[in-house]
C-alpha atoms as a PDB file:
ATOM      1  CA  UNK A   1     157.642  58.377-114.729  1.00  0.00           C
ATOM      2  CA  UNK A   2     154.493  56.297-115.093  1.00  0.00           C
ATOM      3  CA  UNK A   3     151.808  55.851-112.479  1.00  0.00           C
ATOM      4  CA  UNK A   4     151.671  53.121-109.887  1.00  0.00           C
ATOM      5  CA  UNK A   5     148.470  51.139-110.464  1.00  0.00           C
ATOM      6  CA  UNK A   6     146.674  49.587-107.495  1.00  0.00           C
ATOM      7  CA  UNK A   7     143.604  47.351-107.694  1.00  0.00           C
ATOM      8  CA  UNK A   8     141.199  46.854-104.800  1.00  0.00           C
ATOM      9  CA  UNK A   9     139.583  43.459-105.133  1.00  0.00           C
ATOM     10  CA  UNK A  10     137.976  40.478-103.449  1.00  0.00           C
ATOM     11  CA  UNK A  11     135.499  37.928-104.752  1.00  0.00           C
ATOM     12  CA  UNK A  12     132.950  38.936-102.120  1.00  0.00           C
ATOM     13  CA  UNK A  13     130.901  42.046-101.596  1.00  0.00           C
ATOM     14  CA  UNK A  14     130.736  43.900 -98.303  1.00  0.00           C
ATOM     15  CA  UNK A  15     134.453  43.894 -97.538  1.00  0.00           C
ATOM     16  CA  UNK A  16     134.824  47.643 -98.027  1.00  0.00           C
ATOM     17  CA  UNK A  17     136.706  47.686-101.344  1.00  0.00           C
ATOM     18  CA  UNK A  18     135.023  50.821-102.629  1.00  0.00           C
ATOM     19  CA  UNK A  19     135.273  52.576 -99.269  1.00  0.00           C
ATOM     20  CA  UNK A  20     139.004  51.962 -99.022  1.00  0.00           C
ATOM     21  CA  UNK A  21     139.601  52.757-102.684  1.00  0.00           C
ATOM     22  CA  UNK A  22     137.788  56.096-102.536  1.00  0.00           C
ATOM     23  CA  UNK A  23     139.271  57.199 -99.219  1.00  0.00           C
ATOM     24  CA  UNK A  24     142.845  56.210-100.069  1.00  0.00           C
ATOM     25  CA  UNK A  25     142.532  57.851-103.488  1.00  0.00           C
ATOM     26  CA  UNK A  26     141.378  61.082-101.870  1.00  0.00           C
ATOM     27  CA  UNK A  27     144.140  60.792 -99.276  1.00  0.00           C
ATOM     28  CA  UNK A  28     146.652  60.642-102.135  1.00  0.00           C
ATOM     29  CA  UNK A  29     145.020  63.667-103.748  1.00  0.00           C
ATOM     30  CA  UNK A  30     145.182  65.710-100.555  1.00  0.00           C
ATOM     31  CA  UNK A  31     148.882  64.819-100.341  1.00  0.00           C
ATOM     32  CA  UNK A  32     149.405  66.586-103.668  1.00  0.00           C
ATOM     33  CA  UNK A  33     149.568  63.572-105.975  1.00  0.00           C
ATOM     34  CA  UNK A  34     147.977  63.297-109.405  1.00  0.00           C
ATOM     35  CA  UNK A  35     145.304  60.628-109.043  1.00  0.00           C
ATOM     36  CA  UNK A  36     143.009  58.693-111.359  1.00  0.00           C
ATOM     37  CA  UNK A  37     140.265  56.367-110.111  1.00  0.00           C
ATOM     38  CA  UNK A  38     138.799  53.754-112.454  1.00  0.00           C
ATOM     39  CA  UNK A  39     135.438  52.419-111.294  1.00  0.00           C
ATOM     40  CA  UNK A  40     134.539  48.932-112.553  1.00  0.00           C
ATOM     41  CA  UNK A  41     131.621  48.289-110.201  1.00  0.00           C
ATOM     42  CA  UNK A  42     127.902  48.300-110.908  1.00  0.00           C
ATOM     43  CA  UNK A  43     127.367  49.915-107.487  1.00  0.00           C
ATOM     44  CA  UNK A  44     129.154  53.016-108.900  1.00  0.00           C
ATOM     45  CA  UNK A  45     130.263  53.975-105.376  1.00  0.00           C
ATOM     46  CA  UNK A  46     133.404  55.860-106.401  1.00  0.00           C
ATOM     47  CA  UNK A  47     131.591  57.369-109.364  1.00  0.00           C
ATOM     48  CA  UNK A  48     128.788  58.887-107.298  1.00  0.00           C
ATOM     49  CA  UNK A  49     131.190  60.076-104.584  1.00  0.00           C
ATOM     50  CA  UNK A  50     133.618  61.832-106.886  1.00  0.00           C
ATOM     51  CA  UNK A  51     131.428  62.897-109.798  1.00  0.00           C
ATOM     52  CA  UNK A  52     128.336  65.034-109.478  1.00  0.00           C
ATOM     53  CA  UNK A  53     125.490  63.427-111.440  1.00  0.00           C
ATOM     54  CA  UNK A  54     127.789  60.468-112.039  1.00  0.00           C
ATOM     55  CA  UNK A  55     124.869  58.074-111.810  1.00  0.00           C
ATOM     56  CA  UNK A  56     123.102  59.794-114.717  1.00  0.00           C
ATOM     57  CA  UNK A  57     125.763  59.294-117.391  1.00  0.00           C
ATOM     58  CA  UNK A  58     125.090  57.577-120.683  1.00  0.00           C
ATOM     59  CA  UNK A  59     126.890  54.258-121.175  1.00  0.00           C
ATOM     60  CA  UNK A  60     129.098  55.842-123.855  1.00  0.00           C
ATOM     61  CA  UNK A  61     130.309  58.309-121.207  1.00  0.00           C
ATOM     62  CA  UNK A  62     131.521  55.556-118.869  1.00  0.00           C
ATOM     63  CA  UNK A  63     134.177  52.851-118.750  1.00  0.00           C
ATOM     64  CA  UNK A  64     131.796  50.658-120.759  1.00  0.00           C
ATOM     65  CA  UNK A  65     132.949  52.535-123.858  1.00  0.00           C
ATOM     66  CA  UNK A  66     136.512  51.301-123.265  1.00  0.00           C
ATOM     67  CA  UNK A  67     135.907  47.650-122.526  1.00  0.00           C
ATOM     68  CA  UNK A  68     135.425  46.486-126.084  1.00  0.00           C
ATOM     69  CA  UNK A  69     137.601  44.945-128.770  1.00  0.00           C
ATOM     70  CA  UNK A  70     137.474  48.328-130.492  1.00  0.00           C
ATOM     71  CA  UNK A  71     136.912  50.999-127.818  1.00  0.00           C
ATOM     72  CA  UNK A  72     134.336  53.613-128.751  1.00  0.00           C
ATOM     73  CA  UNK A  73     136.351  56.417-127.169  1.00  0.00           C
ATOM     74  CA  UNK A  74     139.942  56.802-125.931  1.00  0.00           C
ATOM     75  CA  UNK A  75     140.393  56.735-122.188  1.00  0.00           C
ATOM     76  CA  UNK A  76     141.583  60.344-122.120  1.00  0.00           C
ATOM     77  CA  UNK A  77     138.056  61.434-123.099  1.00  0.00           C
ATOM     78  CA  UNK A  78     136.593  59.510-120.167  1.00  0.00           C
ATOM     79  CA  UNK A  79     138.873  60.897-117.444  1.00  0.00           C
ATOM     80  CA  UNK A  80     136.483  63.350-115.788  1.00  0.00           C
ATOM     81  CA  UNK A  81     137.856  65.839-113.280  1.00  0.00           C
ATOM     82  CA  UNK A  82     136.239  65.644-109.863  1.00  0.00           C
ATOM     83  CA  UNK A  83     135.456  68.575-107.614  1.00  0.00           C
ATOM     84  CA  UNK A  84     137.578  66.724-105.043  1.00  0.00           C
ATOM     85  CA  UNK A  85     140.723  67.259-107.102  1.00  0.00           C
ATOM     86  CA  UNK A  86     141.229  63.884-108.761  1.00  0.00           C
ATOM     87  CA  UNK A  87     140.169  62.355-112.070  1.00  0.00           C
ATOM     88  CA  UNK A  88     137.788  59.438-112.469  1.00  0.00           C
ATOM     89  CA  UNK A  89     136.739  57.071-115.225  1.00  0.00           C
ATOM     90  CA  UNK A  90     133.144  56.413-114.138  1.00  0.00           C
ATOM     91  CA  UNK A  91     131.309  53.117-114.058  1.00  0.00           C
ATOM     92  CA  UNK A  92     127.778  52.297-115.148  1.00  0.00           C
ATOM     93  CA  UNK A  93     125.052  50.454-113.282  1.00  0.00           C
ATOM     94  CA  UNK A  94     125.073  48.204-116.354  1.00  0.00           C
ATOM     95  CA  UNK A  95     128.589  46.850-115.810  1.00  0.00           C
ATOM     96  CA  UNK A  96     127.229  43.355-116.459  1.00  0.00           C
ATOM     97  CA  UNK A  97     127.194  44.474-120.086  1.00  0.00           C
ATOM     98  CA  UNK A  98     130.965  44.895-119.924  1.00  0.00           C
ATOM     99  CA  UNK A  99     131.344  41.274-118.833  1.00  0.00           C
ATOM    100  CA  UNK A 100     129.324  40.207-121.870  1.00  0.00           C
ATOM    101  CA  UNK A 101     131.394  42.446-124.153  1.00  0.00           C
ATOM    102  CA  UNK A 102     134.678  41.077-122.840  1.00  0.00           C
ATOM    103  CA  UNK A 103     133.485  37.469-122.899  1.00  0.00           C
ATOM    104  CA  UNK A 104     132.829  37.809-126.617  1.00  0.00           C
ATOM    105  CA  UNK A 105     136.485  38.650-127.332  1.00  0.00           C
ATOM    106  CA  UNK A 106     138.339  35.387-128.091  1.00  0.00           C
ATOM    107  CA  UNK A 107     141.911  36.517-127.373  1.00  0.00           C
ATOM    108  CA  UNK A 108     143.398  39.245-125.188  1.00  0.00           C
ATOM    109  CA  UNK A 109     140.218  40.426-123.457  1.00  0.00           C
ATOM    110  CA  UNK A 110     142.000  40.575-120.104  1.00  0.00           C
ATOM    111  CA  UNK A 111     144.505  43.150-121.408  1.00  0.00           C
ATOM    112  CA  UNK A 112     142.108  45.743-122.796  1.00  0.00           C
ATOM    113  CA  UNK A 113     142.047  47.970-119.701  1.00  0.00           C
ATOM    114  CA  UNK A 114     145.822  47.751-119.304  1.00  0.00           C
ATOM    115  CA  UNK A 115     146.352  49.004-122.862  1.00  0.00           C
ATOM    116  CA  UNK A 116     144.076  51.953-122.163  1.00  0.00           C
ATOM    117  CA  UNK A 117     145.774  52.785-118.864  1.00  0.00           C
ATOM    118  CA  UNK A 118     149.173  52.923-120.536  1.00  0.00           C
ATOM    119  CA  UNK A 119     147.861  55.745-122.742  1.00  0.00           C
ATOM    120  CA  UNK A 120     147.444  58.040-119.717  1.00  0.00           C
ATOM    121  CA  UNK A 121     149.831  56.510-117.181  1.00  0.00           C
ATOM    122  CA  UNK A 122     152.387  59.313-117.479  1.00  0.00           C
ATOM    123  CA  UNK A 123     149.747  61.876-116.476  1.00  0.00           C
ATOM    124  CA  UNK A 124     149.285  60.469-112.976  1.00  0.00           C
ATOM    125  CA  UNK A 125     151.221  59.409-109.910  1.00  0.00           C
ATOM    126  CA  UNK A 126     148.650  56.841-108.799  1.00  0.00           C
ATOM    127  CA  UNK A 127     145.828  55.009-110.524  1.00  0.00           C
ATOM    128  CA  UNK A 128     143.340  53.197-108.279  1.00  0.00           C
ATOM    129  CA  UNK A 129     140.984  50.552-109.684  1.00  0.00           C
ATOM    130  CA  UNK A 130     137.807  49.622-107.826  1.00  0.00           C
ATOM    131  CA  UNK A 131     136.927  46.145-109.072  1.00  0.00           C
ATOM    132  CA  UNK A 132     133.706  44.134-108.617  1.00  0.00           C
ATOM    133  CA  UNK A 133     133.114  41.667-105.801  1.00  0.00           C
ATOM    134  CA  UNK A 134     133.326  38.588-107.991  1.00  0.00           C
ATOM    135  CA  UNK A 135     135.746  36.774-110.252  1.00  0.00           C
ATOM    136  CA  UNK A 136     134.958  37.752-113.826  1.00  0.00           C
ATOM    137  CA  UNK A 137     136.472  39.451-116.860  1.00  0.00           C
ATOM    138  CA  UNK A 138     136.415  42.842-115.147  1.00  0.00           C
ATOM    139  CA  UNK A 139     138.408  41.457-112.236  1.00  0.00           C
ATOM    140  CA  UNK A 140     140.912  39.901-114.637  1.00  0.00           C
ATOM    141  CA  UNK A 141     141.382  43.262-116.354  1.00  0.00           C
ATOM    142  CA  UNK A 142     141.999  44.945-113.003  1.00  0.00           C
ATOM    143  CA  UNK A 143     144.550  42.308-111.986  1.00  0.00           C
ATOM    144  CA  UNK A 144     146.439  42.494-115.287  1.00  0.00           C
ATOM    145  CA  UNK A 145     146.618  46.292-115.027  1.00  0.00           C
ATOM    146  CA  UNK A 146     147.754  46.437-111.401  1.00  0.00           C
ATOM    147  CA  UNK A 147     151.248  46.755-110.019  1.00  0.00           C
ATOM    148  CA  UNK A 148     149.872  45.937-106.577  1.00  0.00           C
ATOM    149  CA  UNK A 149     146.693  44.190-105.464  1.00  0.00           C
ATOM    150  CA  UNK A 150     144.988  45.181-102.203  1.00  0.00           C
ATOM    151  CA  UNK A 151     142.445  42.716-100.806  1.00  0.00           C
ATOM    152  CA  UNK A 152     140.216  44.085 -98.026  1.00  0.00           C
ATOM    153  CA  UNK A 153     138.621  41.517 -95.723  1.00  0.00           C
ATOM    154  CA  UNK A 154     136.479  41.646 -92.631  1.00  0.00           C
ATOM    155  CA  UNK A 155     137.282  39.588 -89.559  1.00  0.00           C
ATOM    156  CA  UNK A 156     135.070  36.549 -90.068  1.00  0.00           C
ATOM    157  CA  UNK A 157     135.573  33.058 -91.430  1.00  0.00           C
ATOM    158  CA  UNK A 158     133.447  33.621 -94.542  1.00  0.00           C
ATOM    159  CA  UNK A 159     135.530  36.604 -95.606  1.00  0.00           C
ATOM    160  CA  UNK A 160     138.733  34.704 -94.850  1.00  0.00           C
ATOM    161  CA  UNK A 161     137.602  31.829 -97.077  1.00  0.00           C
ATOM    162  CA  UNK A 162     136.747  34.219 -99.906  1.00  0.00           C
ATOM    163  CA  UNK A 163     140.088  35.975 -99.502  1.00  0.00           C
ATOM    164  CA  UNK A 164     141.891  32.630 -99.680  1.00  0.00           C
ATOM    165  CA  UNK A 165     139.971  31.893-102.883  1.00  0.00           C
ATOM    166  CA  UNK A 166     141.043  35.265-104.259  1.00  0.00           C
ATOM    167  CA  UNK A 167     144.681  34.587-103.421  1.00  0.00           C
ATOM    168  CA  UNK A 168     144.490  31.150-105.032  1.00  0.00           C
ATOM    169  CA  UNK A 169     142.978  32.705-108.157  1.00  0.00           C
ATOM    170  CA  UNK A 170     145.795  35.263-108.348  1.00  0.00           C
ATOM    171  CA  UNK A 171     148.327  32.455-108.005  1.00  0.00           C
ATOM    172  CA  UNK A 172     146.646  30.343-110.682  1.00  0.00           C
ATOM    173  CA  UNK A 173     146.490  33.169-113.221  1.00  0.00           C
ATOM    174  CA  UNK A 174     150.030  34.395-112.509  1.00  0.00           C
ATOM    175  CA  UNK A 175     151.270  33.095-115.909  1.00  0.00           C
ATOM    176  CA  UNK A 176     148.637  35.324-117.505  1.00  0.00           C
ATOM    177  CA  UNK A 177     148.810  38.460-115.348  1.00  0.00           C
ATOM    178  CA  UNK A 178     152.432  38.293-114.217  1.00  0.00           C
ATOM    179  CA  UNK A 179     153.816  38.488-110.690  1.00  0.00           C
ATOM    180  CA  UNK A 180     151.971  40.995-108.526  1.00  0.00           C
ATOM    181  CA  UNK A 181     152.634  42.403-105.097  1.00  0.00           C
ATOM    182  CA  UNK A 182     149.656  41.508-102.890  1.00  0.00           C
ATOM    183  CA  UNK A 183     148.493  42.693 -99.482  1.00  0.00           C
ATOM    184  CA  UNK A 184     145.471  41.621 -97.438  1.00  0.00           C
ATOM    185  CA  UNK A 185     143.954  44.430 -95.363  1.00  0.00           C
ATOM    186  CA  UNK A 186     141.812  43.834 -92.292  1.00  0.00           C
ATOM    187  CA  UNK A 187     138.920  46.268 -92.667  1.00  0.00           C
ATOM    188  CA  UNK A 188     136.085  47.342 -90.350  1.00  0.00           C
ATOM    189  CA  UNK A 189     137.897  45.888 -87.336  1.00  0.00           C
ATOM    190  CA  UNK A 190     137.434  46.779 -83.668  1.00  0.00           C
ATOM    191  CA  UNK A 191     141.004  47.423 -82.525  1.00  0.00           C
ATOM    192  CA  UNK A 192     140.131  46.942 -78.883  1.00  0.00           C
ATOM    193  CA  UNK A 193     140.407  43.208 -79.476  1.00  0.00           C
ATOM    194  CA  UNK A 194     143.615  43.107 -81.501  1.00  0.00           C
ATOM    195  CA  UNK A 195     146.290  43.343 -78.836  1.00  0.00           C
ATOM    196  CA  UNK A 196     144.519  43.903 -75.538  1.00  0.00           C
ATOM    197  CA  UNK A 197     142.177  40.912 -75.332  1.00  0.00           C
ATOM    198  CA  UNK A 198     143.602  38.178 -77.516  1.00  0.00           C
ATOM    199  CA  UNK A 199     141.332  35.617 -75.873  1.00  0.00           C
ATOM    200  CA  UNK A 200     138.165  37.202 -77.282  1.00  0.00           C
ATOM    201  CA  UNK A 201     136.372  35.792 -80.309  1.00  0.00           C
ATOM    202  CA  UNK A 202     137.526  38.657 -82.552  1.00  0.00           C
ATOM    203  CA  UNK A 203     140.999  38.436 -81.093  1.00  0.00           C
ATOM    204  CA  UNK A 204     141.177  34.766 -82.007  1.00  0.00           C
ATOM    205  CA  UNK A 205     139.946  35.543 -85.516  1.00  0.00           C
ATOM    206  CA  UNK A 206     142.657  38.170 -85.901  1.00  0.00           C
ATOM    207  CA  UNK A 207     145.264  35.615 -84.857  1.00  0.00           C
ATOM    208  CA  UNK A 208     143.742  33.249 -87.409  1.00  0.00           C
ATOM    209  CA  UNK A 209     144.180  35.934 -90.070  1.00  0.00           C
ATOM    210  CA  UNK A 210     147.838  36.285 -89.123  1.00  0.00           C
ATOM    211  CA  UNK A 211     148.337  32.529 -89.381  1.00  0.00           C
ATOM    212  CA  UNK A 212     146.384  32.203 -92.636  1.00  0.00           C
ATOM    213  CA  UNK A 213     147.812  35.125 -94.591  1.00  0.00           C
ATOM    214  CA  UNK A 214     151.243  35.456 -93.004  1.00  0.00           C
ATOM    215  CA  UNK A 215     153.453  38.090 -94.626  1.00  0.00           C
ATOM    216  CA  UNK A 216     150.660  38.989 -97.051  1.00  0.00           C
ATOM    217  CA  UNK A 217     148.706  40.551 -94.179  1.00  0.00           C
ATOM    218  CA  UNK A 218     149.182  44.300 -93.799  1.00  0.00           C
ATOM    219  CA  UNK A 219     150.133  45.437 -90.314  1.00  0.00           C
ATOM    220  CA  UNK A 220     147.700  48.356 -90.695  1.00  0.00           C
ATOM    221  CA  UNK A 221     144.063  47.655 -89.852  1.00  0.00           C
ATOM    222  CA  UNK A 222     141.145  49.962 -90.624  1.00  0.00           C
ATOM    223  CA  UNK A 223     138.640  50.261 -87.760  1.00  0.00           C
ATOM    224  CA  UNK A 224     134.884  49.982 -87.877  1.00  0.00           C
ATOM    225  CA  UNK A 225     133.747  53.609 -88.079  1.00  0.00           C
ATOM    226  CA  UNK A 226     130.347  55.248 -88.277  1.00  0.00           C
ATOM    227  CA  UNK A 227     132.173  58.385 -89.428  1.00  0.00           C
ATOM    228  CA  UNK A 228     133.143  56.692 -92.700  1.00  0.00           C
ATOM    229  CA  UNK A 229     129.501  55.780 -93.371  1.00  0.00           C
ATOM    230  CA  UNK A 230     128.223  59.205 -92.348  1.00  0.00           C
ATOM    231  CA  UNK A 231     130.823  60.900 -94.522  1.00  0.00           C
ATOM    232  CA  UNK A 232     129.753  58.923 -97.576  1.00  0.00           C
ATOM    233  CA  UNK A 233     126.075  59.686 -96.926  1.00  0.00           C
ATOM    234  CA  UNK A 234     127.054  63.366 -97.041  1.00  0.00           C
ATOM    235  CA  UNK A 235     129.066  62.982-100.243  1.00  0.00           C
ATOM    236  CA  UNK A 236     132.375  63.221 -98.409  1.00  0.00           C
ATOM    237  CA  UNK A 237     135.395  61.084 -97.666  1.00  0.00           C
ATOM    238  CA  UNK A 238     136.380  60.599 -94.046  1.00  0.00           C
ATOM    239  CA  UNK A 239     139.446  62.744 -94.815  1.00  0.00           C
ATOM    240  CA  UNK A 240     137.056  65.663 -95.376  1.00  0.00           C
ATOM    241  CA  UNK A 241     134.489  64.832 -92.730  1.00  0.00           C
ATOM    242  CA  UNK A 242     136.683  64.027 -89.733  1.00  0.00           C
ATOM    243  CA  UNK A 243     140.365  64.153 -90.707  1.00  0.00           C
ATOM    244  CA  UNK A 244     141.475  63.579 -87.100  1.00  0.00           C
ATOM    245  CA  UNK A 245     139.260  60.534 -86.623  1.00  0.00           C
ATOM    246  CA  UNK A 246     140.994  57.202 -85.987  1.00  0.00           C
ATOM    247  CA  UNK A 247     139.698  55.864 -89.320  1.00  0.00           C
ATOM    248  CA  UNK A 248     141.165  58.842 -91.199  1.00  0.00           C
ATOM    249  CA  UNK A 249     144.502  58.378 -89.460  1.00  0.00           C
ATOM    250  CA  UNK A 250     144.562  54.692 -90.361  1.00  0.00           C
ATOM    251  CA  UNK A 251     143.712  55.495 -93.978  1.00  0.00           C
ATOM    252  CA  UNK A 252     146.701  57.840 -93.984  1.00  0.00           C
ATOM    253  CA  UNK A 253     148.934  55.146 -92.474  1.00  0.00           C
ATOM    254  CA  UNK A 254     147.693  52.623 -95.015  1.00  0.00           C
ATOM    255  CA  UNK A 255     148.429  55.030 -97.847  1.00  0.00           C
ATOM    256  CA  UNK A 256     151.929  55.702 -96.558  1.00  0.00           C
ATOM    257  CA  UNK A 257     152.772  52.043 -96.044  1.00  0.00           C
ATOM    258  CA  UNK A 258     150.972  50.115 -98.778  1.00  0.00           C
ATOM    259  CA  UNK A 259     150.751  52.714-101.551  1.00  0.00           C
ATOM    260  CA  UNK A 260     153.772  54.988-101.205  1.00  0.00           C
ATOM    261  CA  UNK A 261     156.011  52.381 -99.621  1.00  0.00           C
ATOM    262  CA  UNK A 262     156.125  49.930-102.544  1.00  0.00           C
ATOM    263  CA  UNK A 263     157.334  49.788-106.125  1.00  0.00           C
ATOM    264  CA  UNK A 264     155.642  51.222-109.179  1.00  0.00           C
ATOM    265  CA  UNK A 265     155.330  50.175-112.778  1.00  0.00           C
ATOM    266  CA  UNK A 266     158.392  50.744-114.930  1.00  0.00           C
END
């Protein structure tokens, strides 16, 4: 059976894509699944968390070597094993170079990553893609490759507008990328305002999210948590740092519902 591929994306930074991607990927690993993370971001968040000295790799040792008309190396050579039990294809701080490389390919540039993933898909249960916070060729490659698209958003009007733009983009490119299952995830949210005080400003914004995104909105929210930030500063996921913390429990719920509880590629 081939892996289920999930892409974390939004066309705005600061929504917690990399945080969710890394923590859910590690959650899957701790549950005994075979996991691959593909980092497409110039922030190299997943790379530095999962790979010691990951920020000191040569470009030929990163995903940059794959994202060309004629890849320099097969993906199997770039799947590094992490001390946290999963595999990762690392990113480079020079990911802008990948956009240039892909832009120079006249036909089929958006399918390059997907072709590479299919070479190793039977080795994993889940493949998680951390995509950049903008709409470019890297994002298109992530969307083409994904079976399911997860869009984190914070509870504010700017993030909602960007998420709507992302959803519109996915709809517009559907003929190119195919039909994808999509879920919007409220991230970094203070739960005290969700059900208890609906008249608050945040409560009203949450209701707006429900009205705007409808059935696309996941019922699982991830709370604002200093433990997640502290864990990352210490080179840990929240599953390692405080596994009984509310944030860790929500990550587990999100994994069970939005990752395990949906279809996979055939």
